[in-house]
Every structure is written in C-alpha cells, then in structure tokens.
Amino acid sequence: IYADKAEKDGFPNVARLFTAVSFAEWIHAQNHFRELRNVGGD
C-alpha cells in the first residue's frame, strides 16, 4: 500500500524499495508459517 502511495507522490525509488521489502516480509511470513506446519487449530 505504501509503495502505491509513494508512486502517486512522485517517489518511484521509494515505491520500488517498499515493493522489494514487501517481498522480503512475505518470505519471512512464509518461513514462520512453514515452521508451524504441524501446529493445527485456530
């Protein structure tokens, strides 16, 4: 969301940075989730 806002505000490099770090955060979430694969429930 911040990447879209940065693009609209005229900061394409900030938008690119937010997009790249967003991908890194997705990787972190995947890695954490993978370790929970045998933990079921809500």
All heavy atoms as atom14 arrays in JSON, in Angstrom:
{
  "sequence": "IYADKAEKDGFPNVARLFTAVSFAEWIHAQNHFRELRNVGGD",
  "atom14_mask": [
    [1, 1, 1, 1, 1, 1, 1, 1, 0, 0, 0, 0, 0, 0],
    [1, 1, 1, 1, 1, 1, 1, 1, 1, 1, 1, 1, 0, 0],
    [1, 1, 1, 1, 1, 0, 0, 0, 0, 0, 0, 0, 0, 0],
    [1, 1, 1, 1, 1, 1, 1, 1, 0, 0, 0, 0, 0, 0],
    [1, 1, 1, 1, 1, 1, 1, 1, 1, 0, 0, 0, 0, 0],
    [1, 1, 1, 1, 1, 0, 0, 0, 0, 0, 0, 0, 0, 0],
    [1, 1, 1, 1, 1, 1, 1, 1, 1, 0, 0, 0, 0, 0],
    [1, 1, 1, 1, 1, 1, 1, 1, 1, 0, 0, 0, 0, 0],
    [1, 1, 1, 1, 1, 1, 1, 1, 0, 0, 0, 0, 0, 0],
    [1, 1, 1, 1, 0, 0, 0, 0, 0, 0, 0, 0, 0, 0],
    [1, 1, 1, 1, 1, 1, 1, 1, 1, 1, 1, 0, 0, 0],
    [1, 1, 1, 1, 1, 1, 1, 0, 0, 0, 0, 0, 0, 0],
    [1, 1, 1, 1, 1, 1, 1, 1, 0, 0, 0, 0, 0, 0],
    [1, 1, 1, 1, 1, 1, 1, 0, 0, 0, 0, 0, 0, 0],
    [1, 1, 1, 1, 1, 0, 0, 0, 0, 0, 0, 0, 0, 0],
    [1, 1, 1, 1, 1, 1, 1, 1, 1, 1, 1, 0, 0, 0],
    [1, 1, 1, 1, 1, 1, 1, 1, 0, 0, 0, 0, 0, 0],
    [1, 1, 1, 1, 1, 1, 1, 1, 1, 1, 1, 0, 0, 0],
    [1, 1, 1, 1, 1, 1, 1, 0, 0, 0, 0, 0, 0, 0],
    [1, 1, 1, 1, 1, 0, 0, 0, 0, 0, 0, 0, 0, 0],
    [1, 1, 1, 1, 1, 1, 1, 0, 0, 0, 0, 0, 0, 0],
    [1, 1, 1, 1, 1, 1, 0, 0, 0, 0, 0, 0, 0, 0],
    [1, 1, 1, 1, 1, 1, 1, 1, 1, 1, 1, 0, 0, 0],
    [1, 1, 1, 1, 1, 0, 0, 0, 0, 0, 0, 0, 0, 0],
    [1, 1, 1, 1, 1, 1, 1, 1, 1, 0, 0, 0, 0, 0],
    [1, 1, 1, 1, 1, 1, 1, 1, 1, 1, 1, 1, 1, 1],
    [1, 1, 1, 1, 1, 1, 1, 1, 0, 0, 0, 0, 0, 0],
    [1, 1, 1, 1, 1, 1, 1, 1, 1, 1, 0, 0, 0, 0],
    [1, 1, 1, 1, 1, 0, 0, 0, 0, 0, 0, 0, 0, 0],
    [1, 1, 1, 1, 1, 1, 1, 1, 1, 0, 0, 0, 0, 0],
    [1, 1, 1, 1, 1, 1, 1, 1, 0, 0, 0, 0, 0, 0],
    [1, 1, 1, 1, 1, 1, 1, 1, 1, 1, 0, 0, 0, 0],
    [1, 1, 1, 1, 1, 1, 1, 1, 1, 1, 1, 0, 0, 0],
    [1, 1, 1, 1, 1, 1, 1, 1, 1, 1, 1, 0, 0, 0],
    [1, 1, 1, 1, 1, 1, 1, 1, 1, 0, 0, 0, 0, 0],
    [1, 1, 1, 1, 1, 1, 1, 1, 0, 0, 0, 0, 0, 0],
    [1, 1, 1, 1, 1, 1, 1, 1, 1, 1, 1, 0, 0, 0],
    [1, 1, 1, 1, 1, 1, 1, 1, 0, 0, 0, 0, 0, 0],
    [1, 1, 1, 1, 1, 1, 1, 0, 0, 0, 0, 0, 0, 0],
    [1, 1, 1, 1, 0, 0, 0, 0, 0, 0, 0, 0, 0, 0],
    [1, 1, 1, 1, 0, 0, 0, 0, 0, 0, 0, 0, 0, 0],
    [1, 1, 1, 1, 1, 1, 1, 1, 0, 0, 0, 0, 0, 0]
  ],
  "atom14_positions": [
    [[0.84, -1.2, 0.0], [0.0, 0.0, 0.0], [0.88, 1.25, 0.0], [0.61, 2.21, -0.75], [-0.96, -0.02, 1.21], [-1.97, -1.16, 1.07], [-1.64, 1.33, 1.41], [-2.76, -1.47, 2.33], [0.0, 0.0, 0.0], [0.0, 0.0, 0.0], [0.0, 0.0, 0.0], [0.0, 0.0, 0.0], [0.0, 0.0, 0.0], [0.0, 0.0, 0.0]],
    [[1.94, 1.25, 0.82], [2.85, 2.39, 0.87], [3.58, 2.57, -0.46], [3.88, 3.71, -0.84], [3.86, 2.23, 2.01], [3.28, 2.37, 3.4], [4.07, 2.09, 4.5], [1.96, 2.76, 3.64], [3.57, 2.21, 5.8], [1.46, 2.87, 4.92], [2.26, 2.6, 5.99], [1.77, 2.72, 7.27], [0.0, 0.0, 0.0], [0.0, 0.0, 0.0]],
    [[3.86, 1.5, -1.16], [4.51, 1.6, -2.48], [3.59, 2.34, -3.45], [4.05, 3.23, -4.2], [4.85, 0.21, -3.02], [0.0, 0.0, 0.0], [0.0, 0.0, 0.0], [0.0, 0.0, 0.0], [0.0, 0.0, 0.0], [0.0, 0.0, 0.0], [0.0, 0.0, 0.0], [0.0, 0.0, 0.0], [0.0, 0.0, 0.0], [0.0, 0.0, 0.0]],
    [[2.31, 2.0, -3.45], [1.36, 2.7, -4.32], [1.31, 4.19, -3.99], [1.28, 5.03, -4.89], [-0.04, 2.1, -4.19], [-0.15, 0.7, -4.77], [0.73, 0.29, -5.56], [-1.14, 0.0, -4.43], [0.0, 0.0, 0.0], [0.0, 0.0, 0.0], [0.0, 0.0, 0.0], [0.0, 0.0, 0.0], [0.0, 0.0, 0.0], [0.0, 0.0, 0.0]],
    [[1.3, 4.51, -2.7], [1.24, 5.92, -2.28], [2.52, 6.65, -2.69], [2.45, 7.79, -3.18], [1.05, 5.97, -0.75], [1.08, 7.37, -0.16], [-0.11, 8.2, -0.56], [-0.14, 9.47, 0.29], [-0.54, 10.63, -0.47], [0.0, 0.0, 0.0], [0.0, 0.0, 0.0], [0.0, 0.0, 0.0], [0.0, 0.0, 0.0], [0.0, 0.0, 0.0]],
    [[3.68, 6.02, -2.51], [4.94, 6.65, -2.9], [4.96, 6.93, -4.4], [5.43, 7.99, -4.83], [6.13, 5.78, -2.49], [0.0, 0.0, 0.0], [0.0, 0.0, 0.0], [0.0, 0.0, 0.0], [0.0, 0.0, 0.0], [0.0, 0.0, 0.0], [0.0, 0.0, 0.0], [0.0, 0.0, 0.0], [0.0, 0.0, 0.0], [0.0, 0.0, 0.0]],
    [[4.47, 6.0, -5.18], [4.41, 6.19, -6.64], [3.54, 7.4, -6.96], [3.92, 8.27, -7.76], [3.86, 4.93, -7.3], [3.99, 4.9, -8.8], [5.42, 4.71, -9.28], [6.13, 3.85, -8.73], [5.81, 5.44, -10.21], [0.0, 0.0, 0.0], [0.0, 0.0, 0.0], [0.0, 0.0, 0.0], [0.0, 0.0, 0.0], [0.0, 0.0, 0.0]],
    [[2.37, 7.5, -6.33], [1.46, 8.62, -6.56], [2.06, 9.94, -6.09], [1.78, 10.99, -6.66], [0.13, 8.39, -5.85], [-0.7, 7.32, -6.51], [-1.96, 7.03, -5.73], [-2.67, 5.83, -6.34], [-3.65, 5.24, -5.44], [0.0, 0.0, 0.0], [0.0, 0.0, 0.0], [0.0, 0.0, 0.0], [0.0, 0.0, 0.0], [0.0, 0.0, 0.0]],
    [[2.89, 9.89, -5.03], [3.54, 11.09, -4.51], [4.76, 11.51, -5.31], [5.39, 12.52, -4.98], [3.95, 10.88, -3.04], [2.77, 10.9, -2.08], [1.64, 11.21, -2.49], [3.0, 10.57, -0.89], [0.0, 0.0, 0.0], [0.0, 0.0, 0.0], [0.0, 0.0, 0.0], [0.0, 0.0, 0.0], [0.0, 0.0, 0.0], [0.0, 0.0, 0.0]],
    [[5.13, 10.73, -6.34], [6.27, 11.09, -7.18], [7.61, 10.59, -6.67], [8.65, 11.18, -6.98], [0.0, 0.0, 0.0], [0.0, 0.0, 0.0], [0.0, 0.0, 0.0], [0.0, 0.0, 0.0], [0.0, 0.0, 0.0], [0.0, 0.0, 0.0], [0.0, 0.0, 0.0], [0.0, 0.0, 0.0], [0.0, 0.0, 0.0], [0.0, 0.0, 0.0]],
    [[7.59, 9.49, -5.91], [8.82, 8.89, -5.39], [8.95, 7.45, -5.89], [8.75, 6.5, -5.13], [8.84, 8.93, -3.85], [8.8, 10.31, -3.26], [7.65, 10.8, -2.68], [9.94, 11.13, -3.31], [7.61, 12.07, -2.12], [9.91, 12.4, -2.75], [8.75, 12.88, -2.16], [0.0, 0.0, 0.0], [0.0, 0.0, 0.0], [0.0, 0.0, 0.0]],
    [[9.28, 7.27, -7.17], [9.33, 5.91, -7.73], [10.38, 5.02, -7.08], [10.18, 3.8, -6.98], [9.62, 6.13, -9.22], [10.18, 7.51, -9.32], [9.58, 8.29, -8.19], [0.0, 0.0, 0.0], [0.0, 0.0, 0.0], [0.0, 0.0, 0.0], [0.0, 0.0, 0.0], [0.0, 0.0, 0.0], [0.0, 0.0, 0.0], [0.0, 0.0, 0.0]],
    [[11.49, 5.59, -6.65], [12.5, 4.75, -6.0], [12.05, 4.29, -4.61], [12.34, 3.16, -4.2], [13.85, 5.45, -5.91], [14.54, 5.49, -7.25], [14.32, 4.64, -8.12], [15.39, 6.49, -7.45], [0.0, 0.0, 0.0], [0.0, 0.0, 0.0], [0.0, 0.0, 0.0], [0.0, 0.0, 0.0], [0.0, 0.0, 0.0], [0.0, 0.0, 0.0]],
    [[11.32, 5.14, -3.91], [10.75, 4.73, -2.62], [9.71, 3.64, -2.87], [9.65, 2.65, -2.12], [10.15, 5.92, -1.85], [9.45, 5.45, -0.58], [11.21, 6.95, -1.53], [0.0, 0.0, 0.0], [0.0, 0.0, 0.0], [0.0, 0.0, 0.0], [0.0, 0.0, 0.0], [0.0, 0.0, 0.0], [0.0, 0.0, 0.0], [0.0, 0.0, 0.0]],
    [[8.92, 3.79, -3.91], [7.93, 2.76, -4.26], [8.62, 1.43, -4.53], [8.16, 0.38, -4.07], [7.11, 3.2, -5.47], [0.0, 0.0, 0.0], [0.0, 0.0, 0.0], [0.0, 0.0, 0.0], [0.0, 0.0, 0.0], [0.0, 0.0, 0.0], [0.0, 0.0, 0.0], [0.0, 0.0, 0.0], [0.0, 0.0, 0.0], [0.0, 0.0, 0.0]],
    [[9.71, 1.48, -5.26], [10.47, 0.26, -5.56], [11.04, -0.36, -4.29], [11.01, -1.58, -4.11], [11.59, 0.61, -6.55], [12.34, -0.56, -7.09], [13.16, -0.17, -8.32], [13.96, 1.02, -8.17], [15.22, 1.03, -7.73], [15.81, -0.09, -7.39], [15.88, 2.17, -7.65], [0.0, 0.0, 0.0], [0.0, 0.0, 0.0], [0.0, 0.0, 0.0]],
    [[11.52, 0.48, -3.38], [12.04, -0.01, -2.11], [10.93, -0.67, -1.29], [11.11, -1.79, -0.78], [12.68, 1.13, -1.31], [13.19, 0.78, 0.08], [14.27, -0.3, 0.01], [13.71, 2.03, 0.78], [0.0, 0.0, 0.0], [0.0, 0.0, 0.0], [0.0, 0.0, 0.0], [0.0, 0.0, 0.0], [0.0, 0.0, 0.0], [0.0, 0.0, 0.0]],
    [[9.78, -0.01, -1.17], [8.67, -0.61, -0.43], [8.26, -1.95, -1.06], [7.96, -2.91, -0.35], [7.46, 0.33, -0.39], [7.45, 1.31, 0.74], [7.26, 2.67, 0.5], [7.59, 0.9, 2.06], [7.22, 3.59, 1.54], [7.56, 1.81, 3.12], [7.37, 3.15, 2.86], [0.0, 0.0, 0.0], [0.0, 0.0, 0.0], [0.0, 0.0, 0.0]],
    [[8.25, -2.02, -2.38], [7.87, -3.27, -3.06], [8.87, -4.38, -2.78], [8.48, -5.52, -2.5], [7.74, -3.02, -4.58], [6.75, -2.01, -4.8], [7.35, -4.29, -5.31], [0.0, 0.0, 0.0], [0.0, 0.0, 0.0], [0.0, 0.0, 0.0], [0.0, 0.0, 0.0], [0.0, 0.0, 0.0], [0.0, 0.0, 0.0], [0.0, 0.0, 0.0]],
    [[10.16, -4.06, -2.83], [11.19, -5.06, -2.55], [11.11, -5.56, -1.12], [11.14, -6.77, -0.86], [12.58, -4.48, -2.84], [0.0, 0.0, 0.0], [0.0, 0.0, 0.0], [0.0, 0.0, 0.0], [0.0, 0.0, 0.0], [0.0, 0.0, 0.0], [0.0, 0.0, 0.0], [0.0, 0.0, 0.0], [0.0, 0.0, 0.0], [0.0, 0.0, 0.0]],
    [[10.96, -4.64, -0.18], [10.9, -5.04, 1.24], [9.6, -5.8, 1.51], [9.59, -6.74, 2.31], [11.1, -3.83, 2.17], [10.91, -4.23, 3.63], [12.49, -3.23, 1.97], [0.0, 0.0, 0.0], [0.0, 0.0, 0.0], [0.0, 0.0, 0.0], [0.0, 0.0, 0.0], [0.0, 0.0, 0.0], [0.0, 0.0, 0.0], [0.0, 0.0, 0.0]],
    [[8.54, -5.43, 0.82], [7.29, -6.19, 0.95], [7.53, -7.66, 0.59], [7.03, -8.57, 1.27], [6.22, -5.59, 0.04], [5.07, -6.4, 0.02], [0.0, 0.0, 0.0], [0.0, 0.0, 0.0], [0.0, 0.0, 0.0], [0.0, 0.0, 0.0], [0.0, 0.0, 0.0], [0.0, 0.0, 0.0], [0.0, 0.0, 0.0], [0.0, 0.0, 0.0]],
    [[8.3, -7.9, -0.46], [8.63, -9.28, -0.85], [9.43, -9.97, 0.25], [9.17, -11.13, 0.59], [9.41, -9.27, -2.18], [9.85, -10.63, -2.63], [8.92, -11.61, -2.96], [11.19, -10.92, -2.76], [9.34, -12.87, -3.39], [11.62, -12.17, -3.19], [10.68, -13.15, -3.5], [0.0, 0.0, 0.0], [0.0, 0.0, 0.0], [0.0, 0.0, 0.0]],
    [[10.38, -9.26, 0.85], [11.17, -9.84, 1.94], [10.28, -10.21, 3.12], [10.45, -11.27, 3.74], [12.27, -8.87, 2.38], [0.0, 0.0, 0.0], [0.0, 0.0, 0.0], [0.0, 0.0, 0.0], [0.0, 0.0, 0.0], [0.0, 0.0, 0.0], [0.0, 0.0, 0.0], [0.0, 0.0, 0.0], [0.0, 0.0, 0.0], [0.0, 0.0, 0.0]],
    [[9.32, -9.35, 3.44], [8.42, -9.63, 4.56], [7.54, -10.84, 4.26], [7.24, -11.65, 5.15], [7.55, -8.4, 4.89], [8.3, -7.12, 5.15], [9.24, -7.12, 6.35], [9.49, -8.18, 6.96], [9.74, -6.04, 6.69], [0.0, 0.0, 0.0], [0.0, 0.0, 0.0], [0.0, 0.0, 0.0], [0.0, 0.0, 0.0], [0.0, 0.0, 0.0]],
    [[7.14, -11.0, 3.01], [6.37, -12.17, 2.58], [7.21, -13.44, 2.78], [6.69, -14.46, 3.26], [5.97, -11.99, 1.12], [5.2, -13.13, 0.53], [3.92, -13.5, 0.84], [5.66, -14.02, -0.48], [3.57, -14.58, 0.07], [4.6, -14.92, -0.75], [6.85, -14.14, -1.19], [4.71, -15.93, -1.7], [6.95, -15.14, -2.13], [5.9, -16.02, -2.38]],
    [[8.5, -13.37, 2.46], [9.39, -14.51, 2.68], [9.48, -14.84, 4.16], [9.41, -16.0, 4.56], [10.78, -14.24, 2.07], [10.68, -14.2, 0.55], [11.79, -15.29, 2.52], [11.88, -13.6, -0.13], [0.0, 0.0, 0.0], [0.0, 0.0, 0.0], [0.0, 0.0, 0.0], [0.0, 0.0, 0.0], [0.0, 0.0, 0.0], [0.0, 0.0, 0.0]],
    [[9.63, -13.81, 5.01], [9.69, -14.04, 6.45], [8.4, -14.73, 6.93], [8.45, -15.69, 7.71], [9.87, -12.74, 7.23], [11.12, -12.02, 6.89], [11.28, -10.68, 7.14], [12.28, -12.42, 6.32], [12.48, -10.29, 6.73], [13.1, -11.34, 6.23], [0.0, 0.0, 0.0], [0.0, 0.0, 0.0], [0.0, 0.0, 0.0], [0.0, 0.0, 0.0]],
    [[7.25, -14.22, 6.47], [5.97, -14.82, 6.87], [5.9, -16.27, 6.43], [5.48, -17.14, 7.2], [4.81, -14.01, 6.29], [0.0, 0.0, 0.0], [0.0, 0.0, 0.0], [0.0, 0.0, 0.0], [0.0, 0.0, 0.0], [0.0, 0.0, 0.0], [0.0, 0.0, 0.0], [0.0, 0.0, 0.0], [0.0, 0.0, 0.0], [0.0, 0.0, 0.0]],
    [[6.32, -16.55, 5.21], [6.32, -17.94, 4.72], [7.21, -18.83, 5.58], [6.83, -19.96, 5.91], [6.84, -18.01, 3.29], [5.87, -17.64, 2.23], [6.47, -17.92, 0.87], [7.59, -17.52, 0.56], [5.74, -18.62, 0.05], [0.0, 0.0, 0.0], [0.0, 0.0, 0.0], [0.0, 0.0, 0.0], [0.0, 0.0, 0.0], [0.0, 0.0, 0.0]],
    [[8.39, -18.35, 5.91], [9.32, -19.14, 6.72], [8.74, -19.43, 8.1], [8.85, -20.55, 8.61], [10.67, -18.44, 6.84], [11.46, -18.48, 5.55], [11.2, -19.29, 4.65], [12.43, -17.59, 5.42], [0.0, 0.0, 0.0], [0.0, 0.0, 0.0], [0.0, 0.0, 0.0], [0.0, 0.0, 0.0], [0.0, 0.0, 0.0], [0.0, 0.0, 0.0]],
    [[8.11, -18.42, 8.72], [7.5, -18.62, 10.03], [6.34, -19.61, 9.92], [6.2, -20.52, 10.74], [6.99, -17.3, 10.62], [8.05, -16.27, 10.84], [9.36, -16.56, 11.14], [7.98, -14.91, 10.82], [10.04, -15.45, 11.29], [9.23, -14.43, 11.1], [0.0, 0.0, 0.0], [0.0, 0.0, 0.0], [0.0, 0.0, 0.0], [0.0, 0.0, 0.0]],
    [[5.52, -19.45, 8.89], [4.37, -20.33, 8.68], [4.83, -21.78, 8.45], [4.21, -22.72, 8.97], [3.53, -19.84, 7.5], [2.19, -20.51, 7.38], [1.11, -20.06, 8.11], [2.01, -21.59, 6.52], [-0.13, -20.68, 8.0], [0.78, -22.21, 6.4], [-0.29, -21.75, 7.14], [0.0, 0.0, 0.0], [0.0, 0.0, 0.0], [0.0, 0.0, 0.0]],
    [[5.88, -21.94, 7.69], [6.42, -23.28, 7.41], [6.78, -24.0, 8.7], [6.56, -25.21, 8.83], [7.64, -23.16, 6.5], [8.16, -24.5, 5.99], [9.31, -24.33, 5.0], [8.9, -23.54, 3.84], [9.39, -22.34, 3.51], [10.33, -21.77, 4.24], [8.95, -21.7, 2.45], [0.0, 0.0, 0.0], [0.0, 0.0, 0.0], [0.0, 0.0, 0.0]],
    [[7.31, -23.27, 9.67], [7.67, -23.9, 10.94], [6.44, -24.27, 11.77], [6.53, -25.08, 12.68], [8.61, -23.0, 11.75], [9.95, -22.79, 11.1], [10.62, -24.08, 10.66], [10.6, -25.07, 11.43], [11.16, -24.12, 9.54], [0.0, 0.0, 0.0], [0.0, 0.0, 0.0], [0.0, 0.0, 0.0], [0.0, 0.0, 0.0], [0.0, 0.0, 0.0]],
    [[5.29, -23.7, 11.42], [4.04, -24.01, 12.12], [3.23, -25.09, 11.42], [2.09, -25.36, 11.8], [3.19, -22.73, 12.23], [3.74, -21.64, 13.13], [3.02, -20.32, 12.86], [3.62, -22.05, 14.58], [0.0, 0.0, 0.0], [0.0, 0.0, 0.0], [0.0, 0.0, 0.0], [0.0, 0.0, 0.0], [0.0, 0.0, 0.0], [0.0, 0.0, 0.0]],
    [[3.79, -25.69, 10.39], [3.02, -26.62, 9.55], [2.4, -27.78, 10.32], [1.39, -28.33, 9.89], [3.87, -27.13, 8.39], [5.04, -28.01, 8.81], [5.93, -28.36, 7.6], [7.18, -28.95, 8.01], [8.28, -28.28, 8.36], [8.27, -26.97, 8.34], [9.36, -28.91, 8.72], [0.0, 0.0, 0.0], [0.0, 0.0, 0.0], [0.0, 0.0, 0.0]],
    [[2.96, -28.17, 11.45], [2.41, -29.27, 12.24], [1.59, -28.8, 13.43], [1.21, -29.61, 14.27], [3.55, -30.18, 12.72], [4.26, -30.85, 11.56], [3.64, -31.24, 10.57], [5.57, -30.96, 11.66], [0.0, 0.0, 0.0], [0.0, 0.0, 0.0], [0.0, 0.0, 0.0], [0.0, 0.0, 0.0], [0.0, 0.0, 0.0], [0.0, 0.0, 0.0]],
    [[1.33, -27.5, 13.49], [0.54, -26.93, 14.58], [-0.82, -26.58, 14.01], [-0.94, -25.66, 13.21], [1.22, -25.68, 15.18], [0.35, -25.06, 16.27], [2.61, -26.0, 15.69], [0.0, 0.0, 0.0], [0.0, 0.0, 0.0], [0.0, 0.0, 0.0], [0.0, 0.0, 0.0], [0.0, 0.0, 0.0], [0.0, 0.0, 0.0], [0.0, 0.0, 0.0]],
    [[-1.84, -27.35, 14.39], [-3.18, -27.1, 13.87], [-4.03, -26.34, 14.85], [-3.71, -26.24, 16.04], [0.0, 0.0, 0.0], [0.0, 0.0, 0.0], [0.0, 0.0, 0.0], [0.0, 0.0, 0.0], [0.0, 0.0, 0.0], [0.0, 0.0, 0.0], [0.0, 0.0, 0.0], [0.0, 0.0, 0.0], [0.0, 0.0, 0.0], [0.0, 0.0, 0.0]],
    [[-5.11, -25.78, 14.35], [-6.06, -25.11, 15.21], [-6.22, -23.64, 14.88], [-5.55, -23.12, 13.99], [0.0, 0.0, 0.0], [0.0, 0.0, 0.0], [0.0, 0.0, 0.0], [0.0, 0.0, 0.0], [0.0, 0.0, 0.0], [0.0, 0.0, 0.0], [0.0, 0.0, 0.0], [0.0, 0.0, 0.0], [0.0, 0.0, 0.0], [0.0, 0.0, 0.0]],
    [[-7.12, -23.02, 15.58], [-7.38, -21.6, 15.42], [-6.84, -20.87, 16.64], [-7.03, -21.31, 17.77], [-8.89, -21.34, 15.31], [-9.5, -22.03, 14.09], [-8.84, -22.03, 13.04], [-10.62, -22.56, 14.21], [0.0, 0.0, 0.0], [0.0, 0.0, 0.0], [0.0, 0.0, 0.0], [0.0, 0.0, 0.0], [0.0, 0.0, 0.0], [0.0, 0.0, 0.0]]
  ]
}
